[in-house]
Amino acid sequence: GPVNALDRALRTALEPFYPQLADLELVDYKVRILEGQH
């Protein structure tokens, strides 16, 4: 999906400079349309 692709692009860019990012994992992802908006 586009968000997963964005996440992978960000990791590809930064892991050579910050290898600690390899230990991080996305655990949960929640989206909500805010009340009062249509």
Full PDB file with SEQRES, HELIX, SHEET, SSBOND, CRYST1, ORIGX, SCALE, CONECT and MASTER records, all heavy atoms in Angstrom:
SEQRES   1 A   38  GLY PRO VAL ASN ALA LEU ASP ARG ALA LEU ARG THR ALA          
SEQRES   2 A   38  LEU GLU PRO PHE TYR PRO GLN LEU ALA ASP LEU GLU LEU          
SEQRES   3 A   38  VAL ASP TYR LYS VAL ARG ILE LEU GLU GLY GLN HIS              
HELIX    1 AA1 PRO A    2  LEU A   14  1                                  13    
HELIX    2 AA2 PRO A   19  ASP A   23  5                                   5    
CRYST1    1.000    1.000    1.000  90.00  90.00  90.00 P 1           1          
ORIGX1      1.000000  0.000000  0.000000        0.00000                         
ORIGX2      0.000000  1.000000  0.000000        0.00000                         
ORIGX3      0.000000  0.000000  1.000000        0.00000                         
SCALE1      1.000000  0.000000  0.000000        0.00000                         
SCALE2      0.000000  1.000000  0.000000        0.00000                         
SCALE3      0.000000  0.000000  1.000000        0.00000                         
ATOM      1  N   GLY A   1       0.853  -1.178   0.000  1.00  0.00           N  
ATOM      2  CA  GLY A   1       0.000   0.000   0.000  1.00  0.00           C  
ATOM      3  C   GLY A   1       0.888   1.227   0.000  1.00  0.00           C  
ATOM      4  O   GLY A   1       2.104   1.122   0.235  1.00  0.00           O  
ATOM      5  N   PRO A   2       0.341   2.404  -0.240  1.00  0.00           N  
ATOM      6  CA  PRO A   2       1.186   3.593  -0.317  1.00  0.00           C  
ATOM      7  C   PRO A   2       1.900   3.917   0.994  1.00  0.00           C  
ATOM      8  O   PRO A   2       3.037   4.386   0.989  1.00  0.00           O  
ATOM      9  CB  PRO A   2       0.202   4.698  -0.713  1.00  0.00           C  
ATOM     10  CG  PRO A   2      -1.155   4.162  -0.399  1.00  0.00           C  
ATOM     11  CD  PRO A   2      -1.065   2.688  -0.566  1.00  0.00           C  
ATOM     12  N   VAL A   3       1.253   3.681   2.134  1.00  0.00           N  
ATOM     13  CA  VAL A   3       1.898   3.975   3.412  1.00  0.00           C  
ATOM     14  C   VAL A   3       3.036   2.997   3.669  1.00  0.00           C  
ATOM     15  O   VAL A   3       4.114   3.384   4.125  1.00  0.00           O  
ATOM     16  CB  VAL A   3       0.859   3.940   4.554  1.00  0.00           C  
ATOM     17  CG1 VAL A   3       1.545   4.131   5.906  1.00  0.00           C  
ATOM     18  CG2 VAL A   3      -0.201   5.022   4.347  1.00  0.00           C  
ATOM     19  N   ASN A   4       2.806   1.728   3.362  1.00  0.00           N  
ATOM     20  CA  ASN A   4       3.871   0.731   3.515  1.00  0.00           C  
ATOM     21  C   ASN A   4       5.042   1.058   2.602  1.00  0.00           C  
ATOM     22  O   ASN A   4       6.217   0.921   2.994  1.00  0.00           O  
ATOM     23  CB  ASN A   4       3.311  -0.647   3.214  1.00  0.00           C  
ATOM     24  CG  ASN A   4       4.329  -1.761   3.378  1.00  0.00           C  
ATOM     25  OD1 ASN A   4       4.574  -2.539   2.454  1.00  0.00           O  
ATOM     26  ND2 ASN A   4       4.927  -1.867   4.553  1.00  0.00           N  
ATOM     27  N   ALA A   5       4.762   1.508   1.375  1.00  0.00           N  
ATOM     28  CA  ALA A   5       5.823   1.893   0.447  1.00  0.00           C  
ATOM     29  C   ALA A   5       6.605   3.088   0.985  1.00  0.00           C  
ATOM     30  O   ALA A   5       7.842   3.141   0.894  1.00  0.00           O  
ATOM     31  CB  ALA A   5       5.223   2.216  -0.926  1.00  0.00           C  
ATOM     32  N   LEU A   6       5.882   4.051   1.563  1.00  0.00           N  
ATOM     33  CA  LEU A   6       6.538   5.232   2.144  1.00  0.00           C  
ATOM     34  C   LEU A   6       7.431   4.830   3.317  1.00  0.00           C  
ATOM     35  O   LEU A   6       8.558   5.330   3.459  1.00  0.00           O  
ATOM     36  CB  LEU A   6       5.460   6.214   2.596  1.00  0.00           C  
ATOM     37  CG  LEU A   6       5.914   7.629   2.985  1.00  0.00           C  
ATOM     38  CD1 LEU A   6       6.514   8.339   1.784  1.00  0.00           C  
ATOM     39  CD2 LEU A   6       4.721   8.416   3.521  1.00  0.00           C  
ATOM     40  N   ASP A   7       6.947   3.927   4.142  1.00  0.00           N  
ATOM     41  CA  ASP A   7       7.726   3.430   5.269  1.00  0.00           C  
ATOM     42  C   ASP A   7       9.013   2.763   4.778  1.00  0.00           C  
ATOM     43  O   ASP A   7      10.103   3.002   5.306  1.00  0.00           O  
ATOM     44  CB  ASP A   7       6.864   2.443   6.063  1.00  0.00           C  
ATOM     45  CG  ASP A   7       7.602   1.826   7.241  1.00  0.00           C  
ATOM     46  OD1 ASP A   7       8.395   2.546   7.882  1.00  0.00           O  
ATOM     47  OD2 ASP A   7       7.382   0.645   7.535  1.00  0.00           O  
ATOM     48  N   ARG A   8       8.910   1.956   3.754  1.00  0.00           N  
ATOM     49  CA  ARG A   8      10.094   1.258   3.236  1.00  0.00           C  
ATOM     50  C   ARG A   8      11.077   2.229   2.593  1.00  0.00           C  
ATOM     51  O   ARG A   8      12.305   2.063   2.724  1.00  0.00           O  
ATOM     52  CB  ARG A   8       9.667   0.189   2.240  1.00  0.00           C  
ATOM     53  CG  ARG A   8       8.943  -0.985   2.893  1.00  0.00           C  
ATOM     54  CD  ARG A   8       8.629  -2.091   1.909  1.00  0.00           C  
ATOM     55  NE  ARG A   8       8.031  -3.238   2.566  1.00  0.00           N  
ATOM     56  CZ  ARG A   8       7.688  -4.362   1.956  1.00  0.00           C  
ATOM     57  NH1 ARG A   8       7.883  -4.484   0.642  1.00  0.00           N  
ATOM     58  NH2 ARG A   8       7.160  -5.366   2.635  1.00  0.00           N  
ATOM     59  N   ALA A   9      10.577   3.234   1.899  1.00  0.00           N  
ATOM     60  CA  ALA A   9      11.460   4.238   1.301  1.00  0.00           C  
ATOM     61  C   ALA A   9      12.211   5.004   2.393  1.00  0.00           C  
ATOM     62  O   ALA A   9      13.417   5.265   2.262  1.00  0.00           O  
ATOM     63  CB  ALA A   9      10.649   5.196   0.430  1.00  0.00           C  
ATOM     64  N   LEU A  10      11.516   5.348   3.474  1.00  0.00           N  
ATOM     65  CA  LEU A  10      12.146   6.072   4.580  1.00  0.00           C  
ATOM     66  C   LEU A  10      13.230   5.217   5.242  1.00  0.00           C  
ATOM     67  O   LEU A  10      14.326   5.694   5.547  1.00  0.00           O  
ATOM     68  CB  LEU A  10      11.085   6.470   5.602  1.00  0.00           C  
ATOM     69  CG  LEU A  10      11.551   7.303   6.802  1.00  0.00           C  
ATOM     70  CD1 LEU A  10      12.217   8.596   6.344  1.00  0.00           C  
ATOM     71  CD2 LEU A  10      10.371   7.609   7.716  1.00  0.00           C  
ATOM     72  N   ARG A  11      12.941   3.948   5.425  1.00  0.00           N  
ATOM     73  CA  ARG A  11      13.950   3.051   6.004  1.00  0.00           C  
ATOM     74  C   ARG A  11      15.162   2.922   5.075  1.00  0.00           C  
ATOM     75  O   ARG A  11      16.319   2.937   5.533  1.00  0.00           O  
ATOM     76  CB  ARG A  11      13.338   1.670   6.231  1.00  0.00           C  
ATOM     77  CG  ARG A  11      12.400   1.581   7.433  1.00  0.00           C  
ATOM     78  CD  ARG A  11      11.773   0.197   7.500  1.00  0.00           C  
ATOM     79  NE  ARG A  11      10.916   0.044   8.663  1.00  0.00           N  
ATOM     80  CZ  ARG A  11      11.330  -0.399   9.844  1.00  0.00           C  
ATOM     81  NH1 ARG A  11      12.600  -0.720  10.027  1.00  0.00           N  
ATOM     82  NH2 ARG A  11      10.489  -0.532  10.860  1.00  0.00           N  
ATOM     83  N   THR A  12      14.914   2.767   3.790  1.00  0.00           N  
ATOM     84  CA  THR A  12      16.004   2.636   2.822  1.00  0.00           C  
ATOM     85  C   THR A  12      16.906   3.866   2.865  1.00  0.00           C  
ATOM     86  O   THR A  12      18.135   3.755   2.784  1.00  0.00           O  
ATOM     87  CB  THR A  12      15.438   2.443   1.408  1.00  0.00           C  
ATOM     88  OG1 THR A  12      14.659   1.245   1.376  1.00  0.00           O  
ATOM     89  CG2 THR A  12      16.549   2.351   0.372  1.00  0.00           C  
ATOM     90  N   ALA A  13      16.300   5.033   3.024  1.00  0.00           N  
ATOM     91  CA  ALA A  13      17.074   6.272   3.048  1.00  0.00           C  
ATOM     92  C   ALA A  13      17.909   6.409   4.315  1.00  0.00           C  
ATOM     93  O   ALA A  13      19.062   6.859   4.264  1.00  0.00           O  
ATOM     94  CB  ALA A  13      16.125   7.462   2.921  1.00  0.00           C  
ATOM     95  N   LEU A  14      17.349   6.008   5.465  1.00  0.00           N  
ATOM     96  CA  LEU A  14      17.971   6.344   6.742  1.00  0.00           C  
ATOM     97  C   LEU A  14      18.805   5.235   7.376  1.00  0.00           C  
ATOM     98  O   LEU A  14      19.703   5.520   8.180  1.00  0.00           O  
ATOM     99  CB  LEU A  14      16.888   6.777   7.736  1.00  0.00           C  
ATOM    100  CG  LEU A  14      16.168   8.085   7.412  1.00  0.00           C  
ATOM    101  CD1 LEU A  14      15.089   8.351   8.450  1.00  0.00           C  
ATOM    102  CD2 LEU A  14      17.152   9.246   7.369  1.00  0.00           C  
ATOM    103  N   GLU A  15      18.536   3.975   7.072  1.00  0.00           N  
ATOM    104  CA  GLU A  15      19.243   2.897   7.773  1.00  0.00           C  
ATOM    105  C   GLU A  15      20.761   2.919   7.572  1.00  0.00           C  
ATOM    106  O   GLU A  15      21.496   2.557   8.499  1.00  0.00           O  
ATOM    107  CB  GLU A  15      18.662   1.536   7.390  1.00  0.00           C  
ATOM    108  CG  GLU A  15      17.354   1.237   8.113  1.00  0.00           C  
ATOM    109  CD  GLU A  15      16.858  -0.191   7.886  1.00  0.00           C  
ATOM    110  OE1 GLU A  15      17.627  -1.014   7.324  1.00  0.00           O  
ATOM    111  OE2 GLU A  15      15.708  -0.487   8.271  1.00  0.00           O  
ATOM    112  N   PRO A  16      21.297   3.354   6.400  1.00  0.00           N  
ATOM    113  CA  PRO A  16      22.765   3.455   6.300  1.00  0.00           C  
ATOM    114  C   PRO A  16      23.354   4.458   7.295  1.00  0.00           C  
ATOM    115  O   PRO A  16      24.504   4.303   7.720  1.00  0.00           O  
ATOM    116  CB  PRO A  16      22.986   3.913   4.854  1.00  0.00           C  
ATOM    117  CG  PRO A  16      21.776   3.426   4.120  1.00  0.00           C  
ATOM    118  CD  PRO A  16      20.645   3.586   5.095  1.00  0.00           C  
ATOM    119  N   PHE A  17      22.586   5.464   7.675  1.00  0.00           N  
ATOM    120  CA  PHE A  17      23.072   6.464   8.619  1.00  0.00           C  
ATOM    121  C   PHE A  17      22.708   6.103  10.069  1.00  0.00           C  
ATOM    122  O   PHE A  17      23.431   6.434  10.997  1.00  0.00           O  
ATOM    123  CB  PHE A  17      22.469   7.835   8.274  1.00  0.00           C  
ATOM    124  CG  PHE A  17      22.817   8.325   6.902  1.00  0.00           C  
ATOM    125  CD1 PHE A  17      22.002   8.029   5.811  1.00  0.00           C  
ATOM    126  CD2 PHE A  17      23.973   9.066   6.693  1.00  0.00           C  
ATOM    127  CE1 PHE A  17      22.326   8.474   4.550  1.00  0.00           C  
ATOM    128  CE2 PHE A  17      24.309   9.515   5.426  1.00  0.00           C  
ATOM    129  CZ  PHE A  17      23.475   9.204   4.351  1.00  0.00           C  
ATOM    130  N   TYR A  18      21.557   5.440  10.214  1.00  0.00           N  
ATOM    131  CA  TYR A  18      21.072   5.071  11.546  1.00  0.00           C  
ATOM    132  C   TYR A  18      20.663   3.591  11.531  1.00  0.00           C  
ATOM    133  O   TYR A  18      19.483   3.249  11.399  1.00  0.00           O  
ATOM    134  CB  TYR A  18      19.870   5.936  11.937  1.00  0.00           C  
ATOM    135  CG  TYR A  18      20.148   7.423  11.905  1.00  0.00           C  
ATOM    136  CD1 TYR A  18      19.591   8.238  10.911  1.00  0.00           C  
ATOM    137  CD2 TYR A  18      20.971   8.009  12.857  1.00  0.00           C  
ATOM    138  CE1 TYR A  18      19.844   9.594  10.880  1.00  0.00           C  
ATOM    139  CE2 TYR A  18      21.229   9.370  12.838  1.00  0.00           C  
ATOM    140  CZ  TYR A  18      20.670  10.153  11.845  1.00  0.00           C  
ATOM    141  OH  TYR A  18      20.923  11.504  11.834  1.00  0.00           O  
ATOM    142  N   PRO A  19      21.628   2.689  11.666  1.00  0.00           N  
ATOM    143  CA  PRO A  19      21.307   1.258  11.593  1.00  0.00           C  
ATOM    144  C   PRO A  19      20.364   0.791  12.703  1.00  0.00           C  
ATOM    145  O   PRO A  19      19.759  -0.272  12.591  1.00  0.00           O  
ATOM    146  CB  PRO A  19      22.686   0.586  11.721  1.00  0.00           C  
ATOM    147  CG  PRO A  19      23.585   1.626  12.315  1.00  0.00           C  
ATOM    148  CD  PRO A  19      23.070   2.944  11.823  1.00  0.00           C  
ATOM    149  N   GLN A  20      20.219   1.602  13.753  1.00  0.00           N  
ATOM    150  CA  GLN A  20      19.292   1.244  14.840  1.00  0.00           C  
ATOM    151  C   GLN A  20      17.851   1.121  14.349  1.00  0.00           C  
ATOM    152  O   GLN A  20      17.024   0.445  14.973  1.00  0.00           O  
ATOM    153  CB  GLN A  20      19.355   2.289  15.960  1.00  0.00           C  
ATOM    154  CG  GLN A  20      20.698   2.387  16.663  1.00  0.00           C  
ATOM    155  CD  GLN A  20      21.659   3.358  15.980  1.00  0.00           C  
ATOM    156  OE1 GLN A  20      21.446   3.772  14.820  1.00  0.00           O  
ATOM    157  NE2 GLN A  20      22.712   3.721  16.677  1.00  0.00           N  
ATOM    158  N   LEU A  21      17.528   1.746  13.226  1.00  0.00           N  
ATOM    159  CA  LEU A  21      16.158   1.679  12.695  1.00  0.00           C  
ATOM    160  C   LEU A  21      15.772   0.266  12.283  1.00  0.00           C  
ATOM    161  O   LEU A  21      14.578  -0.061  12.210  1.00  0.00           O  
ATOM    162  CB  LEU A  21      16.008   2.622  11.499  1.00  0.00           C  
ATOM    163  CG  LEU A  21      16.047   4.123  11.807  1.00  0.00           C  
ATOM    164  CD1 LEU A  21      15.981   4.929  10.517  1.00  0.00           C  
ATOM    165  CD2 LEU A  21      14.900   4.508  12.726  1.00  0.00           C  
ATOM    166  N   ALA A  22      16.766  -0.577  12.029  1.00  0.00           N  
ATOM    167  CA  ALA A  22      16.463  -1.951  11.628  1.00  0.00           C  
ATOM    168  C   ALA A  22      15.758  -2.723  12.739  1.00  0.00           C  
ATOM    169  O   ALA A  22      15.078  -3.725  12.474  1.00  0.00           O  
ATOM    170  CB  ALA A  22      17.751  -2.674  11.224  1.00  0.00           C  
ATOM    171  N   ASP A  23      15.920  -2.258  13.990  1.00  0.00           N  
ATOM    172  CA  ASP A  23      15.284  -2.940  15.124  1.00  0.00           C  
ATOM    173  C   ASP A  23      13.834  -2.514  15.337  1.00  0.00           C  
ATOM    174  O   ASP A  23      13.127  -3.128  16.139  1.00  0.00           O  
ATOM    175  CB  ASP A  23      16.064  -2.659  16.419  1.00  0.00           C  
ATOM    176  CG  ASP A  23      17.475  -3.224  16.377  1.00  0.00           C  
ATOM    177  OD1 ASP A  23      17.666  -4.254  15.715  1.00  0.00           O  
ATOM    178  OD2 ASP A  23      18.372  -2.621  17.004  1.00  0.00           O  
ATOM    179  N   LEU A  24      13.410  -1.466  14.646  1.00  0.00           N  
ATOM    180  CA  LEU A  24      12.060  -0.946  14.861  1.00  0.00           C  
ATOM    181  C   LEU A  24      11.056  -1.662  13.965  1.00  0.00           C  
ATOM    182  O   LEU A  24      11.348  -2.003  12.817  1.00  0.00           O  
ATOM    183  CB  LEU A  24      12.017   0.563  14.595  1.00  0.00           C  
ATOM    184  CG  LEU A  24      13.006   1.431  15.376  1.00  0.00           C  
ATOM    185  CD1 LEU A  24      12.681   2.898  15.186  1.00  0.00           C  
ATOM    186  CD2 LEU A  24      13.015   1.068  16.853  1.00  0.00           C  
ATOM    187  N   GLU A  25       9.864  -1.858  14.510  1.00  0.00           N  
ATOM    188  CA  GLU A  25       8.815  -2.568  13.780  1.00  0.00           C  
ATOM    189  C   GLU A  25       7.480  -1.867  13.994  1.00  0.00           C  
ATOM    190  O   GLU A  25       7.145  -1.477  15.120  1.00  0.00           O  
ATOM    191  CB  GLU A  25       8.731  -4.008  14.287  1.00  0.00           C  
ATOM    192  CG  GLU A  25       7.650  -4.831  13.600  1.00  0.00           C  
ATOM    193  CD  GLU A  25       7.547  -6.227  14.177  1.00  0.00           C  
ATOM    194  OE1 GLU A  25       8.203  -6.503  15.201  1.00  0.00           O  
ATOM    195  OE2 GLU A  25       6.783  -7.033  13.612  1.00  0.00           O  
ATOM    196  N   LEU A  26       6.736  -1.691  12.917  1.00  0.00           N  
ATOM    197  CA  LEU A  26       5.388  -1.145  13.012  1.00  0.00           C  
ATOM    198  C   LEU A  26       4.479  -2.199  13.629  1.00  0.00           C  
ATOM    199  O   LEU A  26       4.325  -3.287  13.091  1.00  0.00           O  
ATOM    200  CB  LEU A  26       4.868  -0.759  11.624  1.00  0.00           C  
ATOM    201  CG  LEU A  26       3.476  -0.132  11.562  1.00  0.00           C  
ATOM    202  CD1 LEU A  26       3.453   1.224  12.249  1.00  0.00           C  
ATOM    203  CD2 LEU A  26       3.025   0.011  10.108  1.00  0.00           C  
ATOM    204  N   VAL A  27       3.890  -1.867  14.792  1.00  0.00           N  
ATOM    205  CA  VAL A  27       3.075  -2.829  15.537  1.00  0.00           C  
ATOM    206  C   VAL A  27       1.592  -2.656  15.245  1.00  0.00           C  
ATOM    207  O   VAL A  27       0.846  -3.631  15.140  1.00  0.00           O  
ATOM    208  CB  VAL A  27       3.345  -2.693  17.051  1.00  0.00           C  
ATOM    209  CG1 VAL A  27       2.441  -3.622  17.855  1.00  0.00           C  
ATOM    210  CG2 VAL A  27       4.813  -2.958  17.366  1.00  0.00           C  
ATOM    211  N   ASP A  28       1.147  -1.413  15.112  1.00  0.00           N  
ATOM    212  CA  ASP A  28      -0.277  -1.159  14.880  1.00  0.00           C  
ATOM    213  C   ASP A  28      -0.426   0.138  14.114  1.00  0.00           C  
ATOM    214  O   ASP A  28       0.409   1.054  14.228  1.00  0.00           O  
ATOM    215  CB  ASP A  28      -1.030  -1.079  16.214  1.00  0.00           C  
ATOM    216  CG  ASP A  28      -2.539  -1.211  16.042  1.00  0.00           C  
ATOM    217  OD1 ASP A  28      -2.975  -1.599  14.943  1.00  0.00           O  
ATOM    218  OD2 ASP A  28      -3.278  -0.934  17.001  1.00  0.00           O  
ATOM    219  N   TYR A  29      -1.514   0.221  13.345  1.00  0.00           N  
ATOM    220  CA  TYR A  29      -1.763   1.395  12.503  1.00  0.00           C  
ATOM    221  C   TYR A  29      -3.259   1.636  12.477  1.00  0.00           C  
ATOM    222  O   TYR A  29      -4.028   0.761  12.101  1.00  0.00           O  
ATOM    223  CB  TYR A  29      -1.230   1.124  11.086  1.00  0.00           C  
ATOM    224  CG  TYR A  29      -1.502   2.210  10.070  1.00  0.00           C  
ATOM    225  CD1 TYR A  29      -0.638   3.295   9.934  1.00  0.00           C  
ATOM    226  CD2 TYR A  29      -2.611   2.139   9.232  1.00  0.00           C  
ATOM    227  CE1 TYR A  29      -0.870   4.286   8.987  1.00  0.00           C  
ATOM    228  CE2 TYR A  29      -2.851   3.109   8.283  1.00  0.00           C  
ATOM    229  CZ  TYR A  29      -1.982   4.189   8.161  1.00  0.00           C  
ATOM    230  OH  TYR A  29      -2.221   5.165   7.229  1.00  0.00           O  
ATOM    231  N   LYS A  30      -3.678   2.807  12.939  1.00  0.00           N  
ATOM    232  CA  LYS A  30      -5.102   3.112  13.013  1.00  0.00           C  
ATOM    233  C   LYS A  30      -5.394   4.431  12.305  1.00  0.00           C  
ATOM    234  O   LYS A  30      -4.661   5.406  12.475  1.00  0.00           O  
ATOM    235  CB  LYS A  30      -5.552   3.224  14.475  1.00  0.00           C  
ATOM    236  CG  LYS A  30      -5.389   1.942  15.280  1.00  0.00           C  
ATOM    237  CD  LYS A  30      -5.771   2.148  16.727  1.00  0.00           C  
ATOM    238  CE  LYS A  30      -5.565   0.873  17.529  1.00  0.00           C  
ATOM    239  NZ  LYS A  30      -5.843   1.091  18.980  1.00  0.00           N  
ATOM    240  N   VAL A  31      -6.477   4.420  11.550  1.00  0.00           N  
ATOM    241  CA  VAL A  31      -6.915   5.621  10.824  1.00  0.00           C  
ATOM    242  C   VAL A  31      -8.314   5.988  11.277  1.00  0.00           C  
ATOM    243  O   VAL A  31      -9.182   5.113  11.425  1.00  0.00           O  
ATOM    244  CB  VAL A  31      -6.918   5.381   9.298  1.00  0.00           C  
ATOM    245  CG1 VAL A  31      -7.417   6.620   8.563  1.00  0.00           C  
ATOM    246  CG2 VAL A  31      -5.525   4.997   8.823  1.00  0.00           C  
ATOM    247  N   ARG A  32      -8.547   7.266  11.509  1.00  0.00           N  
ATOM    248  CA  ARG A  32      -9.885   7.720  11.881  1.00  0.00           C  
ATOM    249  C   ARG A  32     -10.222   9.011  11.152  1.00  0.00           C  
ATOM    250  O   ARG A  32      -9.427   9.944  11.125  1.00  0.00           O  
ATOM    251  CB  ARG A  32      -9.972   7.944  13.392  1.00  0.00           C  
ATOM    252  CG  ARG A  32     -11.342   8.411  13.827  1.00  0.00           C  
ATOM    253  CD  ARG A  32     -11.474   8.506  15.313  1.00  0.00           C  
ATOM    254  NE  ARG A  32     -12.774   9.027  15.687  1.00  0.00           N  
ATOM    255  CZ  ARG A  32     -13.154   9.248  16.941  1.00  0.00           C  
ATOM    256  NH1 ARG A  32     -12.335   8.992  17.936  1.00  0.00           N  
ATOM    257  NH2 ARG A  32     -14.352   9.729  17.199  1.00  0.00           N  
ATOM    258  N   ILE A  33     -11.416   9.034  10.557  1.00  0.00           N  
ATOM    259  CA  ILE A  33     -11.953  10.267   9.990  1.00  0.00           C  
ATOM    260  C   ILE A  33     -12.519  11.075  11.144  1.00  0.00           C  
ATOM    261  O   ILE A  33     -13.359  10.586  11.907  1.00  0.00           O  
ATOM    262  CB  ILE A  33     -13.045   9.980   8.944  1.00  0.00           C  
ATOM    263  CG1 ILE A  33     -12.496   9.025   7.863  1.00  0.00           C  
ATOM    264  CG2 ILE A  33     -13.553  11.272   8.332  1.00  0.00           C  
ATOM    265  CD1 ILE A  33     -11.295   9.555   7.126  1.00  0.00           C  
ATOM    266  N   LEU A  34     -12.052  12.309  11.277  1.00  0.00           N  
ATOM    267  CA  LEU A  34     -12.394  13.069  12.474  1.00  0.00           C  
ATOM    268  C   LEU A  34     -13.837  13.512  12.471  1.00  0.00           C  
ATOM    269  O   LEU A  34     -14.404  13.863  11.431  1.00  0.00           O  
ATOM    270  CB  LEU A  34     -11.470  14.280  12.609  1.00  0.00           C  
ATOM    271  CG  LEU A  34      -9.990  13.921  12.792  1.00  0.00           C  
ATOM    272  CD1 LEU A  34      -9.150  15.163  12.932  1.00  0.00           C  
ATOM    273  CD2 LEU A  34      -9.802  13.012  13.993  1.00  0.00           C  
ATOM    274  N   GLU A  35     -14.430  13.508  13.643  1.00  0.00           N  
ATOM    275  CA  GLU A  35     -15.837  13.879  13.831  1.00  0.00           C  
ATOM    276  C   GLU A  35     -16.086  15.289  13.329  1.00  0.00           C  
ATOM    277  O   GLU A  35     -15.267  16.184  13.506  1.00  0.00           O  
ATOM    278  CB  GLU A  35     -16.183  13.819  15.324  1.00  0.00           C  
ATOM    279  CG  GLU A  35     -17.174  12.722  15.665  1.00  0.00           C  
ATOM    280  CD  GLU A  35     -17.423  12.648  17.153  1.00  0.00           C  
ATOM    281  OE1 GLU A  35     -18.108  13.543  17.671  1.00  0.00           O  
ATOM    282  OE2 GLU A  35     -16.909  11.715  17.769  1.00  0.00           O  
ATOM    283  N   GLY A  36     -17.237  15.455  12.725  1.00  0.00           N  
ATOM    284  CA  GLY A  36     -17.603  16.787  12.258  1.00  0.00           C  
ATOM    285  C   GLY A  36     -17.113  17.081  10.860  1.00  0.00           C  
ATOM    286  O   GLY A  36     -17.408  18.127  10.305  1.00  0.00           O  
ATOM    287  N   GLN A  37     -16.336  16.162  10.275  1.00  0.00           N  
ATOM    288  CA  GLN A  37     -15.856  16.332   8.911  1.00  0.00           C  
ATOM    289  C   GLN A  37     -16.584  15.347   8.004  1.00  0.00           C  
ATOM    290  O   GLN A  37     -16.993  14.274   8.422  1.00  0.00           O  
ATOM    291  CB  GLN A  37     -14.350  16.075   8.851  1.00  0.00           C  
ATOM    292  CG  GLN A  37     -13.523  16.930   9.807  1.00  0.00           C  
ATOM    293  CD  GLN A  37     -13.496  18.388   9.420  1.00  0.00           C  
ATOM    294  OE1 GLN A  37     -13.640  18.704   8.238  1.00  0.00           O  
ATOM    295  NE2 GLN A  37     -13.336  19.269  10.390  1.00  0.00           N  
ATOM    296  N   HIS A  38     -16.733  15.711   6.747  1.00  0.00           N  
ATOM    297  CA  HIS A  38     -17.517  14.874   5.842  1.00  0.00           C  
ATOM    298  C   HIS A  38     -16.832  14.772   4.487  1.00  0.00           C  
ATOM    299  O   HIS A  38     -16.144  15.680   4.033  1.00  0.00           O  
ATOM    300  CB  HIS A  38     -18.927  15.444   5.652  1.00  0.00           C  
ATOM    301  CG  HIS A  38     -19.686  15.581   6.935  1.00  0.00           C  
ATOM    302  ND1 HIS A  38     -20.261  14.511   7.573  1.00  0.00           N  
ATOM    303  CD2 HIS A  38     -19.923  16.673   7.710  1.00  0.00           C  
ATOM    304  CE1 HIS A  38     -20.854  14.933   8.686  1.00  0.00           C  
ATOM    305  NE2 HIS A  38     -20.658  16.228   8.797  1.00  0.00           N  
TER     306      HIS A  38                                                      
MASTER        0    0    0    2    0    0    0    6  305    1    0    3          
END                                                                             
